[in-house]
Amino acid sequence: MLAYVQQLPATADASLLEALKAESERAATEGPSRPFLDVWFTSANEGFVVGAYNLIFHTTDGGKTWEPWIDHTQNDRFYHLYGIRGSGDGLYIVGELGLALRFDPATSRFNALQTPYEGSYFGLLTKPGLVLAYGLRGTAYRSSDGGQNWMPVDTGTTASITAGQVMPDGRLLLCSMAGDVLVSGDDAASFRRLDLKAAMPCTGLAVSGDAVVLTGLRGVRVVRPEL
């Protein structure tokens, strides 16, 4: 990554260039200690991984090779990048301290969006006409205009929301550290809690047929709730 930054053109913003060099040198000194936190592929060949301290890499060959993209984000303070998701009408990144970015294909840059929240977003869900960012203490905001305007969402929980998925039928699922599994059938205007026999603090979820697969510190659990 340091070699990549050193090759950036001298015409780049001087203060940003120095910040990128300093951050790259720090990362090189620390070694491979910064975690990746999310991955998203827009096609079989093109994808991104994001992580701590503005860590972001881009591939165009299905992951065989990766190029650092730390100079492609409007994230001068190097906030953590927690989640990346996209749909047909946009590709987005969210992170700590209210960071939200949208990809501009014309410039190949992720530009900052203004959101009403100053806490951390841990992830997001996207589908045509909808972006849902979620995070600390049950916080969630939705946008139907590409991230220009955001509305608060009553998720019904005060626990941190850690993961989500768009179901094949378009409904949305979220899970929390308190073991909540929440479903919305109205594009995140409202959520209801699913009735599970035993709650488990969740760090991830996936949908497989009529089953919801939950992961967490207690392992993996497969449930078949009434969705």
Protein backbone atom coordinates (compact mmCIF):
# COMPACT_ATOMS: atom_id res chain seq x y z
CA MET A 1 0.00 0.00 0.00
CA LEU A 2 2.88 2.38 0.75
CA ALA A 3 4.36 1.77 -2.71
CA TYR A 4 0.95 2.54 -4.22
CA VAL A 5 0.67 5.87 -2.37
CA GLN A 6 4.22 6.84 -3.32
CA GLN A 7 3.22 6.49 -6.98
CA LEU A 8 0.29 8.91 -6.70
CA PRO A 9 0.73 12.01 -8.90
CA ALA A 10 2.34 15.06 -7.36
CA THR A 11 -0.66 17.07 -8.58
CA ALA A 12 -2.81 15.47 -5.88
CA ASP A 13 -3.85 17.59 -2.91
CA ALA A 14 -0.61 18.06 -0.93
CA SER A 15 -2.10 17.77 2.57
CA LEU A 16 -4.10 14.69 1.61
CA LEU A 17 -1.06 13.13 -0.05
CA GLU A 18 1.01 13.61 3.12
CA ALA A 19 -1.78 12.14 5.25
CA LEU A 20 -2.03 9.11 2.96
CA LYS A 21 1.73 8.59 3.08
CA ALA A 22 1.78 8.85 6.87
CA GLU A 23 -1.10 6.40 7.23
CA SER A 24 0.49 3.97 4.77
CA GLU A 25 3.81 4.12 6.62
CA ARG A 26 2.01 3.48 9.90
CA ALA A 27 0.21 0.49 8.41
CA ALA A 28 3.47 -0.88 6.99
CA THR A 29 5.14 -0.56 10.40
CA GLU A 30 2.28 -2.28 12.22
CA GLY A 31 2.15 -5.13 9.71
CA PRO A 32 -1.02 -7.11 8.86
CA SER A 33 -2.90 -6.10 12.00
CA ARG A 34 -5.79 -4.13 10.53
CA PRO A 35 -8.89 -6.23 9.96
CA PHE A 36 -11.11 -6.34 6.94
CA LEU A 37 -14.72 -5.84 8.06
CA ASP A 38 -16.86 -6.35 4.97
CA VAL A 39 -16.75 -7.43 1.34
CA TRP A 40 -19.02 -6.77 -1.63
CA PHE A 41 -18.87 -7.84 -5.27
CA THR A 42 -20.76 -5.87 -7.88
CA SER A 43 -20.18 -8.64 -10.44
CA ALA A 44 -18.27 -11.89 -10.79
CA ASN A 45 -15.09 -9.90 -11.44
CA GLU A 46 -15.39 -6.55 -9.65
CA GLY A 47 -15.43 -6.28 -5.87
CA PHE A 48 -14.29 -4.39 -2.80
CA VAL A 49 -13.11 -5.19 0.70
CA VAL A 50 -13.19 -2.53 3.44
CA GLY A 51 -11.93 -2.36 6.98
CA ALA A 52 -10.27 -0.46 9.81
CA TYR A 53 -8.72 2.98 9.32
CA ASN A 54 -10.07 3.53 5.80
CA LEU A 55 -8.75 0.17 4.61
CA ILE A 56 -10.18 -0.47 1.14
CA PHE A 57 -9.05 -2.63 -1.78
CA HIS A 58 -10.56 -3.07 -5.25
CA THR A 59 -10.39 -6.04 -7.63
CA THR A 60 -11.43 -6.41 -11.26
CA ASP A 61 -10.37 -10.04 -11.73
CA GLY A 62 -12.54 -11.87 -9.22
CA GLY A 63 -10.13 -11.40 -6.32
CA LYS A 64 -6.96 -12.74 -7.95
CA THR A 65 -5.30 -9.35 -7.48
CA TRP A 66 -6.24 -6.34 -5.35
CA GLU A 67 -5.39 -2.65 -5.64
CA PRO A 68 -5.38 -0.24 -2.65
CA TRP A 69 -8.05 2.42 -2.99
CA ILE A 70 -7.37 4.53 0.09
CA ASP A 71 -7.14 7.63 -2.09
CA HIS A 72 -10.58 6.95 -3.58
CA THR A 73 -12.57 7.78 -0.42
CA GLN A 74 -13.58 11.13 1.02
CA ASN A 75 -12.48 10.03 4.48
CA ASP A 76 -9.62 12.32 5.45
CA ARG A 77 -9.71 11.24 9.11
CA PHE A 78 -9.39 7.57 8.21
CA TYR A 79 -12.52 6.44 10.02
CA HIS A 80 -13.20 2.71 10.08
CA LEU A 81 -15.23 1.38 7.15
CA TYR A 82 -17.69 -1.14 8.59
CA GLY A 83 -19.98 -1.99 5.70
CA ILE A 84 -20.28 -1.85 1.92
CA ARG A 85 -23.35 -2.74 -0.14
CA GLY A 86 -24.77 -1.86 -3.53
CA SER A 87 -27.76 -2.29 -5.79
CA GLY A 88 -28.57 -1.24 -9.33
CA ASP A 89 -28.81 2.42 -8.39
CA GLY A 90 -25.76 2.93 -6.17
CA LEU A 91 -22.83 1.58 -4.17
CA TYR A 92 -22.41 2.76 -0.57
CA ILE A 93 -20.01 2.51 2.38
CA VAL A 94 -20.78 3.28 6.02
CA GLY A 95 -18.50 3.52 9.02
CA GLU A 96 -17.76 5.08 12.35
CA LEU A 97 -18.89 8.52 13.55
CA GLY A 98 -21.73 8.74 11.05
CA LEU A 99 -19.56 8.20 7.99
CA ALA A 100 -21.52 7.44 4.82
CA LEU A 101 -20.09 7.40 1.29
CA ARG A 102 -21.54 6.90 -2.19
CA PHE A 103 -19.55 5.78 -5.20
CA ASP A 104 -19.34 8.12 -8.19
CA PRO A 105 -18.53 6.05 -11.32
CA ALA A 106 -17.48 9.19 -13.22
CA THR A 107 -14.59 9.91 -10.84
CA SER A 108 -14.10 6.43 -9.31
CA ARG A 109 -14.41 7.99 -5.87
CA PHE A 110 -16.56 7.37 -2.82
CA ASN A 111 -17.93 10.80 -1.88
CA ALA A 112 -19.21 11.72 1.58
CA LEU A 113 -22.93 11.92 2.32
CA GLN A 114 -24.46 13.88 5.18
CA THR A 115 -26.51 11.80 7.63
CA PRO A 116 -28.27 12.90 10.85
CA TYR A 117 -26.32 10.42 13.01
CA GLU A 118 -22.88 10.95 14.57
CA GLY A 119 -22.48 7.45 16.00
CA SER A 120 -21.17 4.39 14.22
CA TYR A 121 -22.99 2.61 11.44
CA PHE A 122 -22.11 -1.09 11.46
CA GLY A 123 -23.66 -1.95 8.12
CA LEU A 124 -26.25 -1.19 5.51
CA LEU A 125 -28.77 -2.77 3.18
CA THR A 126 -29.57 -1.60 -0.32
CA LYS A 127 -32.21 -2.34 -2.92
CA PRO A 128 -33.51 -0.24 -5.79
CA GLY A 129 -34.91 2.96 -4.28
CA LEU A 130 -33.73 2.24 -0.74
CA VAL A 131 -30.62 2.58 1.42
CA LEU A 132 -30.83 1.51 5.08
CA ALA A 133 -27.90 2.25 7.41
CA TYR A 134 -27.88 0.67 10.87
CA GLY A 135 -25.64 0.62 13.92
CA LEU A 136 -25.26 1.46 17.59
CA ARG A 137 -28.13 1.23 20.08
CA GLY A 138 -30.69 0.11 17.52
CA THR A 139 -30.14 3.18 15.36
CA ALA A 140 -31.20 3.03 11.73
CA TYR A 141 -31.83 5.60 9.00
CA ARG A 142 -33.36 5.09 5.57
CA SER A 143 -33.02 7.04 2.33
CA SER A 144 -35.08 6.75 -0.83
CA ASP A 145 -33.16 9.34 -2.86
CA GLY A 146 -29.63 7.99 -3.04
CA GLY A 147 -28.52 9.23 0.35
CA GLN A 148 -29.46 12.87 -0.07
CA ASN A 149 -32.12 12.77 2.66
CA TRP A 150 -32.47 10.37 5.59
CA MET A 151 -35.37 9.44 7.84
CA PRO A 152 -35.06 7.77 11.26
CA VAL A 153 -36.38 4.23 11.58
CA ASP A 154 -38.00 2.77 14.70
CA THR A 155 -36.36 -0.65 14.84
CA GLY A 156 -37.98 -1.58 18.16
CA THR A 157 -34.65 -2.36 19.83
CA THR A 158 -32.00 -0.40 21.70
CA ALA A 159 -29.32 -3.05 21.14
CA SER A 160 -26.64 -2.54 18.52
CA ILE A 161 -27.69 -3.88 15.11
CA THR A 162 -24.85 -5.92 13.70
CA ALA A 163 -26.01 -7.48 10.43
CA GLY A 164 -28.80 -7.60 7.89
CA GLN A 165 -29.92 -9.05 4.60
CA VAL A 166 -32.35 -8.32 1.82
CA MET A 167 -34.51 -11.40 1.32
CA PRO A 168 -35.32 -12.74 -2.18
CA ASP A 169 -38.85 -11.31 -1.91
CA GLY A 170 -37.52 -7.84 -1.02
CA ARG A 171 -38.21 -7.94 2.71
CA LEU A 172 -35.45 -6.82 5.07
CA LEU A 173 -33.93 -8.70 7.99
CA LEU A 174 -31.79 -7.27 10.79
CA CYS A 175 -30.21 -8.87 13.85
CA SER A 176 -28.79 -7.41 17.05
CA MET A 177 -26.38 -8.12 19.88
CA ALA A 178 -29.41 -8.71 22.13
CA GLY A 179 -30.59 -11.55 19.90
CA ASP A 180 -33.34 -9.58 18.16
CA VAL A 181 -34.20 -10.70 14.64
CA LEU A 182 -36.28 -8.01 12.96
CA VAL A 183 -38.19 -8.10 9.69
CA SER A 184 -39.67 -5.32 7.55
CA GLY A 185 -42.05 -5.71 4.65
CA ASP A 186 -42.49 -2.00 3.96
CA ASP A 187 -38.96 -0.94 2.95
CA ALA A 188 -37.86 -0.20 6.53
CA ALA A 189 -40.76 2.10 7.39
CA SER A 190 -41.36 -0.29 10.30
CA PHE A 191 -39.97 -3.50 11.77
CA ARG A 192 -41.40 -6.33 13.85
CA ARG A 193 -39.51 -8.73 16.06
CA LEU A 194 -39.58 -12.40 15.09
CA ASP A 195 -40.61 -14.89 17.75
CA LEU A 196 -37.60 -17.09 18.46
CA LYS A 197 -37.55 -19.78 21.13
CA ALA A 198 -34.09 -18.84 22.38
CA ALA A 199 -32.35 -15.55 21.64
CA MET A 200 -28.66 -15.52 20.79
CA PRO A 201 -26.46 -12.41 20.47
CA CYS A 202 -25.98 -12.14 16.71
CA THR A 203 -23.05 -10.96 14.64
CA GLY A 204 -24.30 -12.15 11.28
CA LEU A 205 -27.21 -13.71 9.43
CA ALA A 206 -28.07 -15.30 6.12
CA VAL A 207 -31.27 -16.60 4.54
CA SER A 208 -31.41 -20.06 3.00
CA GLY A 209 -34.83 -21.15 1.77
CA ASP A 210 -37.22 -20.97 4.73
CA ALA A 211 -34.34 -20.91 7.23
CA VAL A 212 -32.47 -18.03 8.84
CA VAL A 213 -28.86 -18.83 9.74
CA LEU A 214 -27.58 -16.82 12.70
CA THR A 215 -23.96 -16.53 13.79
CA GLY A 216 -22.49 -15.19 17.01
CA LEU A 217 -20.14 -15.83 19.91
CA ARG A 218 -22.21 -18.91 20.77
CA GLY A 219 -21.71 -20.46 17.35
CA VAL A 220 -24.17 -21.00 14.52
CA ARG A 221 -27.92 -21.49 14.85
CA VAL A 222 -30.48 -22.29 12.18
CA VAL A 223 -34.04 -21.12 12.89
CA ARG A 224 -37.24 -21.28 10.89
CA PRO A 225 -39.39 -18.45 12.22
CA GLU A 226 -42.75 -17.32 10.90
CA LEU A 227 -41.61 -14.58 8.56
